[in-house]
């Protein structure tokens, strides 16, 4: 019985960690940005699928903006097939790391 209570208490603590509790690590994002720079690293780049779309530069954006945008793509609130696929593959830690990285760029 005690083992079950300890396990339930542990799961309650682990389960209470939210995305808001995660701290972004810009250094860790250096290995994660390769999927972003192909579009977002080209000044004036326009994507042509599914429609012509002006791709924004991410450097200098606020971390909260980047986090919110990626989560909106994950939920389908923002529609762009490529971004929905990429955002869908990201963990909360990945999102925080990318937001920290791009907020420090110019």
PDB file of N, CA and C in Angstrom:
ATOM      1  N   UNK A   1       0.814  -1.187   0.000  1.00  0.00           N
ATOM      2  CA  UNK A   1       0.000   0.000   0.000  1.00  0.00           C
ATOM      3  C   UNK A   1       0.862   1.258   0.000  1.00  0.00           C
ATOM      4  N   UNK A   2       1.937   1.248   0.805  1.00  0.00           N
ATOM      5  CA  UNK A   2       2.807   2.417   0.884  1.00  0.00           C
ATOM      6  C   UNK A   2       3.485   2.674  -0.465  1.00  0.00           C
ATOM      7  N   UNK A   3       3.853   1.595  -1.152  1.00  0.00           N
ATOM      8  CA  UNK A   3       4.488   1.758  -2.465  1.00  0.00           C
ATOM      9  C   UNK A   3       3.549   2.462  -3.429  1.00  0.00           C
ATOM     10  N   UNK A   4       2.286   2.106  -3.389  1.00  0.00           N
ATOM     11  CA  UNK A   4       1.303   2.718  -4.282  1.00  0.00           C
ATOM     12  C   UNK A   4       1.113   4.199  -3.958  1.00  0.00           C
ATOM     13  N   UNK A   5       1.109   4.549  -2.672  1.00  0.00           N
ATOM     14  CA  UNK A   5       0.954   5.946  -2.285  1.00  0.00           C
ATOM     15  C   UNK A   5       2.156   6.770  -2.715  1.00  0.00           C
ATOM     16  N   UNK A   6       3.348   6.202  -2.549  1.00  0.00           N
ATOM     17  CA  UNK A   6       4.559   6.895  -2.979  1.00  0.00           C
ATOM     18  C   UNK A   6       4.537   7.099  -4.487  1.00  0.00           C
ATOM     19  N   UNK A   7       4.148   6.084  -5.240  1.00  0.00           N
ATOM     20  CA  UNK A   7       4.073   6.185  -6.691  1.00  0.00           C
ATOM     21  C   UNK A   7       3.051   7.237  -7.108  1.00  0.00           C
ATOM     22  N   UNK A   8       1.892   7.239  -6.481  1.00  0.00           N
ATOM     23  CA  UNK A   8       0.873   8.236  -6.805  1.00  0.00           C
ATOM     24  C   UNK A   8       1.347   9.646  -6.474  1.00  0.00           C
ATOM     25  N   UNK A   9       2.040   9.794  -5.346  1.00  0.00           N
ATOM     26  CA  UNK A   9       2.568  11.109  -4.979  1.00  0.00           C
ATOM     27  C   UNK A   9       3.608  11.560  -5.997  1.00  0.00           C
ATOM     28  N   UNK A  10       4.471  10.647  -6.439  1.00  0.00           N
ATOM     29  CA  UNK A  10       5.491  10.960  -7.432  1.00  0.00           C
ATOM     30  C   UNK A  10       4.846  11.362  -8.747  1.00  0.00           C
ATOM     31  N   UNK A  11       3.868  10.606  -9.180  1.00  0.00           N
ATOM     32  CA  UNK A  11       3.184  10.918 -10.435  1.00  0.00           C
ATOM     33  C   UNK A  11       2.468  12.256 -10.352  1.00  0.00           C
ATOM     34  N   UNK A  12       1.952  12.592  -9.205  1.00  0.00           N
ATOM     35  CA  UNK A  12       1.310  13.889  -9.027  1.00  0.00           C
ATOM     36  C   UNK A  12       2.294  15.030  -9.176  1.00  0.00           C
ATOM     37  N   UNK A  13       3.496  14.860  -8.639  1.00  0.00           N
ATOM     38  CA  UNK A  13       4.529  15.893  -8.763  1.00  0.00           C
ATOM     39  C   UNK A  13       4.990  15.991 -10.205  1.00  0.00           C
ATOM     40  N   UNK A  14       5.286  14.868 -10.833  1.00  0.00           N
ATOM     41  CA  UNK A  14       5.746  14.867 -12.219  1.00  0.00           C
ATOM     42  C   UNK A  14       4.663  15.412 -13.134  1.00  0.00           C
ATOM     43  N   UNK A  15       3.435  15.032 -12.906  1.00  0.00           N
ATOM     44  CA  UNK A  15       2.335  15.473 -13.741  1.00  0.00           C
ATOM     45  C   UNK A  15       2.023  16.952 -13.605  1.00  0.00           C
ATOM     46  N   UNK A  16       2.514  17.571 -12.540  1.00  0.00           N
ATOM     47  CA  UNK A  16       2.207  18.982 -12.329  1.00  0.00           C
ATOM     48  C   UNK A  16       3.171  19.909 -13.059  1.00  0.00           C
ATOM     49  N   UNK A  17       4.200  19.377 -13.688  1.00  0.00           N
ATOM     50  CA  UNK A  17       5.125  20.195 -14.462  1.00  0.00           C
ATOM     51  C   UNK A  17       4.430  20.606 -15.746  1.00  0.00           C
ATOM     52  N   UNK A  18       4.412  21.899 -16.022  1.00  0.00           N
ATOM     53  CA  UNK A  18       3.740  22.385 -17.219  1.00  0.00           C
ATOM     54  C   UNK A  18       4.741  23.053 -18.149  1.00  0.00           C
ATOM     55  N   UNK A  19       4.280  23.405 -19.337  1.00  0.00           N
ATOM     56  CA  UNK A  19       5.136  24.083 -20.308  1.00  0.00           C
ATOM     57  C   UNK A  19       5.665  25.396 -19.733  1.00  0.00           C
ATOM     58  N   UNK A  20       4.893  26.024 -18.846  1.00  0.00           N
ATOM     59  CA  UNK A  20       5.317  27.284 -18.243  1.00  0.00           C
ATOM     60  C   UNK A  20       6.512  27.093 -17.313  1.00  0.00           C
ATOM     61  N   UNK A  21       6.721  25.864 -16.833  1.00  0.00           N
ATOM     62  CA  UNK A  21       7.823  25.574 -15.921  1.00  0.00           C
ATOM     63  C   UNK A  21       9.127  25.262 -16.656  1.00  0.00           C
ATOM     64  N   UNK A  22       9.074  25.121 -17.950  1.00  0.00           N
ATOM     65  CA  UNK A  22      10.249  24.739 -18.736  1.00  0.00           C
ATOM     66  C   UNK A  22      11.027  25.990 -19.110  1.00  0.00           C
ATOM     67  N   UNK A  23      12.337  25.935 -18.921  1.00  0.00           N
ATOM     68  CA  UNK A  23      13.206  27.059 -19.240  1.00  0.00           C
ATOM     69  C   UNK A  23      13.937  26.746 -20.536  1.00  0.00           C
ATOM     70  N   UNK A  24      13.887  27.682 -21.477  1.00  0.00           N
ATOM     71  CA  UNK A  24      14.557  27.502 -22.756  1.00  0.00           C
ATOM     72  C   UNK A  24      16.061  27.611 -22.634  1.00  0.00           C
ATOM     73  N   UNK A  25      16.757  26.840 -23.445  1.00  0.00           N
ATOM     74  CA  UNK A  25      18.213  26.826 -23.472  1.00  0.00           C
ATOM     75  C   UNK A  25      18.653  27.123 -24.904  1.00  0.00           C
ATOM     76  N   UNK A  26      19.115  28.349 -25.134  1.00  0.00           N
ATOM     77  CA  UNK A  26      19.510  28.764 -26.486  1.00  0.00           C
ATOM     78  C   UNK A  26      20.644  27.896 -27.029  1.00  0.00           C
ATOM     79  N   UNK A  27      21.557  27.489 -26.181  1.00  0.00           N
ATOM     80  CA  UNK A  27      22.687  26.652 -26.616  1.00  0.00           C
ATOM     81  C   UNK A  27      22.183  25.297 -27.114  1.00  0.00           C
ATOM     82  N   UNK A  28      21.213  24.715 -26.420  1.00  0.00           N
ATOM     83  CA  UNK A  28      20.657  23.426 -26.838  1.00  0.00           C
ATOM     84  C   UNK A  28      19.948  23.539 -28.179  1.00  0.00           C
ATOM     85  N   UNK A  29      19.405  24.707 -28.485  1.00  0.00           N
ATOM     86  CA  UNK A  29      18.670  24.898 -29.737  1.00  0.00           C
ATOM     87  C   UNK A  29      19.586  24.924 -30.949  1.00  0.00           C
ATOM     88  N   UNK A  30      20.874  25.144 -30.749  1.00  0.00           N
ATOM     89  CA  UNK A  30      21.796  25.187 -31.882  1.00  0.00           C
ATOM     90  C   UNK A  30      21.739  23.901 -32.696  1.00  0.00           C
ATOM     91  N   UNK A  31      21.402  22.801 -32.054  1.00  0.00           N
ATOM     92  CA  UNK A  31      21.284  21.516 -32.755  1.00  0.00           C
ATOM     93  C   UNK A  31      19.862  21.266 -33.261  1.00  0.00           C
ATOM     94  N   UNK A  32      18.958  22.202 -33.030  1.00  0.00           N
ATOM     95  CA  UNK A  32      17.557  22.018 -33.403  1.00  0.00           C
ATOM     96  C   UNK A  32      17.106  22.969 -34.510  1.00  0.00           C
ATOM     97  N   UNK A  33      17.896  23.984 -34.824  1.00  0.00           N
ATOM     98  CA  UNK A  33      17.444  25.016 -35.755  1.00  0.00           C
ATOM     99  C   UNK A  33      17.585  24.629 -37.225  1.00  0.00           C
ATOM    100  N   UNK A  34      18.203  23.507 -37.514  1.00  0.00           N
ATOM    101  CA  UNK A  34      18.412  23.139 -38.919  1.00  0.00           C
ATOM    102  C   UNK A  34      17.095  23.016 -39.679  1.00  0.00           C
ATOM    103  N   UNK A  35      16.025  22.632 -39.004  1.00  0.00           N
ATOM    104  CA  UNK A  35      14.735  22.520 -39.685  1.00  0.00           C
ATOM    105  C   UNK A  35      14.105  23.884 -39.918  1.00  0.00           C
ATOM    106  N   UNK A  36      14.625  24.921 -39.282  1.00  0.00           N
ATOM    107  CA  UNK A  36      14.045  26.264 -39.385  1.00  0.00           C
ATOM    108  C   UNK A  36      14.773  27.133 -40.415  1.00  0.00           C
ATOM    109  N   UNK A  37      16.092  27.006 -40.467  1.00  0.00           N
ATOM    110  CA  UNK A  37      16.879  27.955 -41.252  1.00  0.00           C
ATOM    111  C   UNK A  37      16.671  27.834 -42.755  1.00  0.00           C
ATOM    112  N   UNK A  38      16.183  26.691 -43.219  1.00  0.00           N
ATOM    113  CA  UNK A  38      15.948  26.524 -44.644  1.00  0.00           C
ATOM    114  C   UNK A  38      14.944  27.515 -45.201  1.00  0.00           C
ATOM    115  N   UNK A  39      14.035  27.981 -44.377  1.00  0.00           N
ATOM    116  CA  UNK A  39      13.041  28.980 -44.803  1.00  0.00           C
ATOM    117  C   UNK A  39      13.218  30.293 -44.041  1.00  0.00           C
ATOM    118  N   UNK A  40      13.312  30.191 -42.714  1.00  0.00           N
ATOM    119  CA  UNK A  40      13.337  31.393 -41.889  1.00  0.00           C
ATOM    120  C   UNK A  40      14.698  32.080 -41.876  1.00  0.00           C
ATOM    121  N   UNK A  41      15.710  31.452 -42.434  1.00  0.00           N
ATOM    122  CA  UNK A  41      17.035  32.059 -42.458  1.00  0.00           C
ATOM    123  C   UNK A  41      17.357  32.766 -43.764  1.00  0.00           C
ATOM    124  N   UNK A  42      16.393  32.871 -44.661  1.00  0.00           N
ATOM    125  CA  UNK A  42      16.622  33.483 -45.968  1.00  0.00           C
ATOM    126  C   UNK A  42      15.838  34.796 -46.037  1.00  0.00           C
ATOM    127  N   UNK A  43      16.529  35.932 -46.025  1.00  0.00           N
ATOM    128  CA  UNK A  43      15.809  37.213 -46.088  1.00  0.00           C
ATOM    129  C   UNK A  43      14.923  37.303 -47.333  1.00  0.00           C
ATOM    130  N   UNK A  44      13.684  37.714 -47.125  1.00  0.00           N
ATOM    131  CA  UNK A  44      12.749  37.898 -48.226  1.00  0.00           C
ATOM    132  C   UNK A  44      12.198  36.628 -48.833  1.00  0.00           C
ATOM    133  N   UNK A  45      12.428  35.486 -48.199  1.00  0.00           N
ATOM    134  CA  UNK A  45      11.988  34.207 -48.759  1.00  0.00           C
ATOM    135  C   UNK A  45      10.470  34.096 -48.759  1.00  0.00           C
ATOM    136  N   UNK A  46       9.943  33.541 -49.846  1.00  0.00           N
ATOM    137  CA  UNK A  46       8.508  33.277 -49.952  1.00  0.00           C
ATOM    138  C   UNK A  46       8.310  31.803 -50.240  1.00  0.00           C
ATOM    139  N   UNK A  47       7.491  31.168 -49.422  1.00  0.00           N
ATOM    140  CA  UNK A  47       7.138  29.765 -49.641  1.00  0.00           C
ATOM    141  C   UNK A  47       5.980  29.736 -50.626  1.00  0.00           C
ATOM    142  N   UNK A  48       5.929  28.716 -51.448  1.00  0.00           N
ATOM    143  CA  UNK A  48       4.866  28.671 -52.450  1.00  0.00           C
ATOM    144  C   UNK A  48       3.893  27.523 -52.237  1.00  0.00           C
ATOM    145  N   UNK A  49       3.933  26.899 -51.064  1.00  0.00           N
ATOM    146  CA  UNK A  49       2.998  25.815 -50.784  1.00  0.00           C
ATOM    147  C   UNK A  49       2.382  26.027 -49.420  1.00  0.00           C
ATOM    148  N   UNK A  50       1.145  25.986 -49.257  1.00  0.00           N
ATOM    149  CA  UNK A  50       0.088  25.732 -50.232  1.00  0.00           C
ATOM    150  C   UNK A  50      -0.293  26.983 -51.020  1.00  0.00           C
ATOM    151  N   UNK A  51       0.221  28.135 -50.618  1.00  0.00           N
ATOM    152  CA  UNK A  51       0.008  29.383 -51.331  1.00  0.00           C
ATOM    153  C   UNK A  51       1.265  30.210 -51.149  1.00  0.00           C
ATOM    154  N   UNK A  52       1.399  31.300 -51.886  1.00  0.00           N
ATOM    155  CA  UNK A  52       2.575  32.151 -51.708  1.00  0.00           C
ATOM    156  C   UNK A  52       2.470  32.802 -50.330  1.00  0.00           C
ATOM    157  N   UNK A  53       3.499  32.631 -49.564  1.00  0.00           N
ATOM    158  CA  UNK A  53       3.495  33.045 -48.171  1.00  0.00           C
ATOM    159  C   UNK A  53       4.833  33.682 -47.849  1.00  0.00           C
ATOM    160  N   UNK A  54       4.823  34.909 -47.365  1.00  0.00           N
ATOM    161  CA  UNK A  54       6.037  35.597 -46.948  1.00  0.00           C
ATOM    162  C   UNK A  54       6.522  34.978 -45.634  1.00  0.00           C
ATOM    163  N   UNK A  55       7.673  34.361 -45.652  1.00  0.00           N
ATOM    164  CA  UNK A  55       8.207  33.683 -44.469  1.00  0.00           C
ATOM    165  C   UNK A  55       8.878  34.713 -43.563  1.00  0.00           C
ATOM    166  N   UNK A  56       8.440  34.819 -42.316  1.00  0.00           N
ATOM    167  CA  UNK A  56       9.025  35.826 -41.419  1.00  0.00           C
ATOM    168  C   UNK A  56      10.408  35.418 -40.919  1.00  0.00           C
ATOM    169  N   UNK A  57      11.215  36.414 -40.666  1.00  0.00           N
ATOM    170  CA  UNK A  57      12.494  36.187 -40.008  1.00  0.00           C
ATOM    171  C   UNK A  57      12.208  36.020 -38.513  1.00  0.00           C
ATOM    172  N   UNK A  58      12.872  35.086 -37.875  1.00  0.00           N
ATOM    173  CA  UNK A  58      12.584  34.784 -36.473  1.00  0.00           C
ATOM    174  C   UNK A  58      13.508  35.498 -35.496  1.00  0.00           C
ATOM    175  N   UNK A  59      14.685  35.899 -35.962  1.00  0.00           N
ATOM    176  CA  UNK A  59      15.654  36.544 -35.085  1.00  0.00           C
ATOM    177  C   UNK A  59      15.093  37.795 -34.441  1.00  0.00           C
ATOM    178  N   UNK A  60      15.231  37.892 -33.129  1.00  0.00           N
ATOM    179  CA  UNK A  60      14.783  39.060 -32.393  1.00  0.00           C
ATOM    180  C   UNK A  60      13.324  39.031 -31.974  1.00  0.00           C
ATOM    181  N   UNK A  61      12.583  38.009 -32.396  1.00  0.00           N
ATOM    182  CA  UNK A  61      11.192  37.888 -31.954  1.00  0.00           C
ATOM    183  C   UNK A  61      11.174  37.576 -30.452  1.00  0.00           C
ATOM    184  N   UNK A  62      10.102  37.939 -29.788  1.00  0.00           N
ATOM    185  CA  UNK A  62      10.017  37.627 -28.359  1.00  0.00           C
ATOM    186  C   UNK A  62       9.837  36.120 -28.195  1.00  0.00           C
ATOM    187  N   UNK A  63      10.399  35.553 -27.137  1.00  0.00           N
ATOM    188  CA  UNK A  63      10.252  34.112 -26.924  1.00  0.00           C
ATOM    189  C   UNK A  63       8.789  33.697 -26.792  1.00  0.00           C
ATOM    190  N   UNK A  64       7.972  34.511 -26.145  1.00  0.00           N
ATOM    191  CA  UNK A  64       6.562  34.179 -25.951  1.00  0.00           C
ATOM    192  C   UNK A  64       5.840  34.116 -27.303  1.00  0.00           C
ATOM    193  N   UNK A  65       6.175  35.016 -28.216  1.00  0.00           N
ATOM    194  CA  UNK A  65       5.554  35.001 -29.550  1.00  0.00           C
ATOM    195  C   UNK A  65       5.885  33.697 -30.270  1.00  0.00           C
ATOM    196  N   UNK A  66       7.159  33.309 -30.244  1.00  0.00           N
ATOM    197  CA  UNK A  66       7.576  32.079 -30.925  1.00  0.00           C
ATOM    198  C   UNK A  66       6.908  30.869 -30.293  1.00  0.00           C
ATOM    199  N   UNK A  67       6.895  30.809 -28.971  1.00  0.00           N
ATOM    200  CA  UNK A  67       6.241  29.686 -28.282  1.00  0.00           C
ATOM    201  C   UNK A  67       4.762  29.616 -28.638  1.00  0.00           C
ATOM    202  N   UNK A  68       4.084  30.745 -28.594  1.00  0.00           N
ATOM    203  CA  UNK A  68       2.644  30.764 -28.892  1.00  0.00           C
ATOM    204  C   UNK A  68       2.373  30.363 -30.341  1.00  0.00           C
ATOM    205  N   UNK A  69       3.196  30.837 -31.257  1.00  0.00           N
ATOM    206  CA  UNK A  69       3.005  30.501 -32.670  1.00  0.00           C
ATOM    207  C   UNK A  69       3.188  29.003 -32.890  1.00  0.00           C
ATOM    208  N   UNK A  70       4.239  28.424 -32.317  1.00  0.00           N
ATOM    209  CA  UNK A  70       4.485  26.988 -32.501  1.00  0.00           C
ATOM    210  C   UNK A  70       3.371  26.149 -31.878  1.00  0.00           C
ATOM    211  N   UNK A  71       2.887  26.558 -30.728  1.00  0.00           N
ATOM    212  CA  UNK A  71       1.787  25.817 -30.099  1.00  0.00           C
ATOM    213  C   UNK A  71       0.499  25.949 -30.921  1.00  0.00           C
ATOM    214  N   UNK A  72       0.288  27.117 -31.524  1.00  0.00           N
ATOM    215  CA  UNK A  72      -0.898  27.306 -32.376  1.00  0.00           C
ATOM    216  C   UNK A  72      -0.808  26.409 -33.610  1.00  0.00           C
ATOM    217  N   UNK A  73       0.385  26.232 -34.164  1.00  0.00           N
ATOM    218  CA  UNK A  73       0.548  25.300 -35.284  1.00  0.00           C
ATOM    219  C   UNK A  73       0.276  23.870 -34.816  1.00  0.00           C
ATOM    220  N   UNK A  74       0.763  23.513 -33.638  1.00  0.00           N
ATOM    221  CA  UNK A  74       0.520  22.167 -33.109  1.00  0.00           C
ATOM    222  C   UNK A  74      -0.967  21.883 -32.970  1.00  0.00           C
ATOM    223  N   UNK A  75      -1.725  22.866 -32.516  1.00  0.00           N
ATOM    224  CA  UNK A  75      -3.155  22.686 -32.268  1.00  0.00           C
ATOM    225  C   UNK A  75      -4.000  22.848 -33.528  1.00  0.00           C
ATOM    226  N   UNK A  76      -3.384  23.296 -34.624  1.00  0.00           N
ATOM    227  CA  UNK A  76      -4.134  23.528 -35.849  1.00  0.00           C
ATOM    228  C   UNK A  76      -4.810  24.885 -35.891  1.00  0.00           C
ATOM    229  N   UNK A  77      -4.513  25.747 -34.921  1.00  0.00           N
ATOM    230  CA  UNK A  77      -5.094  27.084 -34.899  1.00  0.00           C
ATOM    231  C   UNK A  77      -4.457  27.983 -35.951  1.00  0.00           C
ATOM    232  N   UNK A  78      -3.222  27.695 -36.281  1.00  0.00           N
ATOM    233  CA  UNK A  78      -2.532  28.358 -37.388  1.00  0.00           C
ATOM    234  C   UNK A  78      -2.377  27.304 -38.468  1.00  0.00           C
ATOM    235  N   UNK A  79      -2.668  27.691 -39.693  1.00  0.00           N
ATOM    236  CA  UNK A  79      -2.674  26.713 -40.777  1.00  0.00           C
ATOM    237  C   UNK A  79      -1.531  26.950 -41.758  1.00  0.00           C
ATOM    238  N   UNK A  80      -0.640  26.028 -41.778  1.00  0.00           N
ATOM    239  CA  UNK A  80       0.395  25.930 -42.805  1.00  0.00           C
ATOM    240  C   UNK A  80       0.919  24.506 -42.679  1.00  0.00           C
ATOM    241  N   UNK A  81       0.712  23.682 -43.703  1.00  0.00           N
ATOM    242  CA  UNK A  81       1.051  22.259 -43.590  1.00  0.00           C
ATOM    243  C   UNK A  81       2.485  21.978 -43.144  1.00  0.00           C
ATOM    244  N   UNK A  82       3.442  22.707 -43.689  1.00  0.00           N
ATOM    245  CA  UNK A  82       4.839  22.463 -43.300  1.00  0.00           C
ATOM    246  C   UNK A  82       5.060  22.809 -41.837  1.00  0.00           C
ATOM    247  N   UNK A  83       4.558  23.965 -41.416  1.00  0.00           N
ATOM    248  CA  UNK A  83       4.751  24.380 -40.033  1.00  0.00           C
ATOM    249  C   UNK A  83       3.981  23.495 -39.068  1.00  0.00           C
ATOM    250  N   UNK A  84       2.801  23.031 -39.458  1.00  0.00           N
ATOM    251  CA  UNK A  84       2.056  22.126 -38.583  1.00  0.00           C
ATOM    252  C   UNK A  84       2.830  20.826 -38.387  1.00  0.00           C
ATOM    253  N   UNK A  85       3.445  20.324 -39.445  1.00  0.00           N
ATOM    254  CA  UNK A  85       4.237  19.099 -39.340  1.00  0.00           C
ATOM    255  C   UNK A  85       5.462  19.289 -38.468  1.00  0.00           C
ATOM    256  N   UNK A  86       6.155  20.389 -38.674  1.00  0.00           N
ATOM    257  CA  UNK A  86       7.367  20.660 -37.881  1.00  0.00           C
ATOM    258  C   UNK A  86       6.994  20.885 -36.421  1.00  0.00           C
ATOM    259  N   UNK A  87       6.026  21.750 -36.178  1.00  0.00           N
ATOM    260  CA  UNK A  87       5.632  22.048 -34.795  1.00  0.00           C
ATOM    261  C   UNK A  87       5.110  20.801 -34.091  1.00  0.00           C
ATOM    262  N   UNK A  88       4.420  19.950 -34.830  1.00  0.00           N
ATOM    263  CA  UNK A  88       3.888  18.730 -34.246  1.00  0.00           C
ATOM    264  C   UNK A  88       4.960  17.777 -33.765  1.00  0.00           C
ATOM    265  N   UNK A  89       6.167  17.919 -34.309  1.00  0.00           N
ATOM    266  CA  UNK A  89       7.269  17.036 -33.912  1.00  0.00           C
ATOM    267  C   UNK A  89       8.058  17.582 -32.720  1.00  0.00           C
ATOM    268  N   UNK A  90       7.719  18.784 -32.255  1.00  0.00           N
ATOM    269  CA  UNK A  90       8.487  19.434 -31.192  1.00  0.00           C
ATOM    270  C   UNK A  90       7.919  19.144 -29.810  1.00  0.00           C
ATOM    271  N   UNK A  91       8.820  18.938 -28.866  1.00  0.00           N
ATOM    272  CA  UNK A  91       8.426  18.805 -27.458  1.00  0.00           C
ATOM    273  C   UNK A  91       8.320  20.201 -26.853  1.00  0.00           C
ATOM    274  N   UNK A  92       7.776  20.287 -25.659  1.00  0.00           N
ATOM    275  CA  UNK A  92       7.721  21.579 -24.963  1.00  0.00           C
ATOM    276  C   UNK A  92       9.124  22.134 -24.747  1.00  0.00           C
ATOM    277  N   UNK A  93      10.084  21.258 -24.461  1.00  0.00           N
ATOM    278  CA  UNK A  93      11.467  21.710 -24.268  1.00  0.00           C
ATOM    279  C   UNK A  93      12.047  22.234 -25.575  1.00  0.00           C
ATOM    280  N   UNK A  94      11.777  21.556 -26.691  1.00  0.00           N
ATOM    281  CA  UNK A  94      12.247  22.035 -27.998  1.00  0.00           C
ATOM    282  C   UNK A  94      11.718  23.440 -28.275  1.00  0.00           C
ATOM    283  N   UNK A  95      10.430  23.637 -28.022  1.00  0.00           N
ATOM    284  CA  UNK A  95       9.809  24.938 -28.272  1.00  0.00           C
ATOM    285  C   UNK A  95      10.463  26.014 -27.413  1.00  0.00           C
ATOM    286  N   UNK A  96      10.680  25.731 -26.146  1.00  0.00           N
ATOM    287  CA  UNK A  96      11.317  26.706 -25.253  1.00  0.00           C
ATOM    288  C   UNK A  96      12.742  27.001 -25.703  1.00  0.00           C
ATOM    289  N   UNK A  97      13.472  25.966 -26.125  1.00  0.00           N
ATOM    290  CA  UNK A  97      14.849  26.157 -26.590  1.00  0.00           C
ATOM    291  C   UNK A  97      14.898  27.004 -27.858  1.00  0.00           C
ATOM    292  N   UNK A  98      14.032  26.710 -28.818  1.00  0.00           N
ATOM    293  CA  UNK A  98      13.999  27.484 -30.061  1.00  0.00           C
ATOM    294  C   UNK A  98      13.604  28.930 -29.798  1.00  0.00           C
ATOM    295  N   UNK A  99      12.650  29.141 -28.913  1.00  0.00           N
ATOM    296  CA  UNK A  99      12.227  30.498 -28.575  1.00  0.00           C
ATOM    297  C   UNK A  99      13.382  31.276 -27.932  1.00  0.00           C
ATOM    298  N   UNK A 100      14.110  30.636 -27.036  1.00  0.00           N
ATOM    299  CA  UNK A 100      15.255  31.292 -26.394  1.00  0.00           C
ATOM    300  C   UNK A 100      16.329  31.621 -27.430  1.00  0.00           C
ATOM    301  N   UNK A 101      16.590  30.693 -28.324  1.00  0.00           N
ATOM    302  CA  UNK A 101      17.627  30.889 -29.355  1.00  0.00           C
ATOM    303  C   UNK A 101      17.284  32.066 -30.271  1.00  0.00           C
ATOM    304  N   UNK A 102      16.080  32.032 -30.838  1.00  0.00           N
ATOM    305  CA  UNK A 102      15.718  33.071 -31.799  1.00  0.00           C
ATOM    306  C   UNK A 102      15.524  34.435 -31.155  1.00  0.00           C
ATOM    307  N   UNK A 103      15.143  34.475 -29.912  1.00  0.00           N
ATOM    308  CA  UNK A 103      14.982  35.780 -29.250  1.00  0.00           C
ATOM    309  C   UNK A 103      16.325  36.464 -29.052  1.00  0.00           C
ATOM    310  N   UNK A 104      17.408  35.696 -29.061  1.00  0.00           N
ATOM    311  CA  UNK A 104      18.742  36.257 -28.881  1.00  0.00           C
ATOM    312  C   UNK A 104      19.427  36.617 -30.209  1.00  0.00           C
ATOM    313  N   UNK A 105      18.805  36.232 -31.324  1.00  0.00           N
ATOM    314  CA  UNK A 105      19.378  36.518 -32.636  1.00  0.00           C
ATOM    315  C   UNK A 105      18.977  37.916 -33.093  1.00  0.00           C
ATOM    316  N   UNK A 106      19.712  38.415 -34.089  1.00  0.00           N
ATOM    317  CA  UNK A 106      19.377  39.727 -34.650  1.00  0.00           C
ATOM    318  C   UNK A 106      18.663  39.571 -35.951  1.00  0.00           C
TER     319      UNK A 106
END
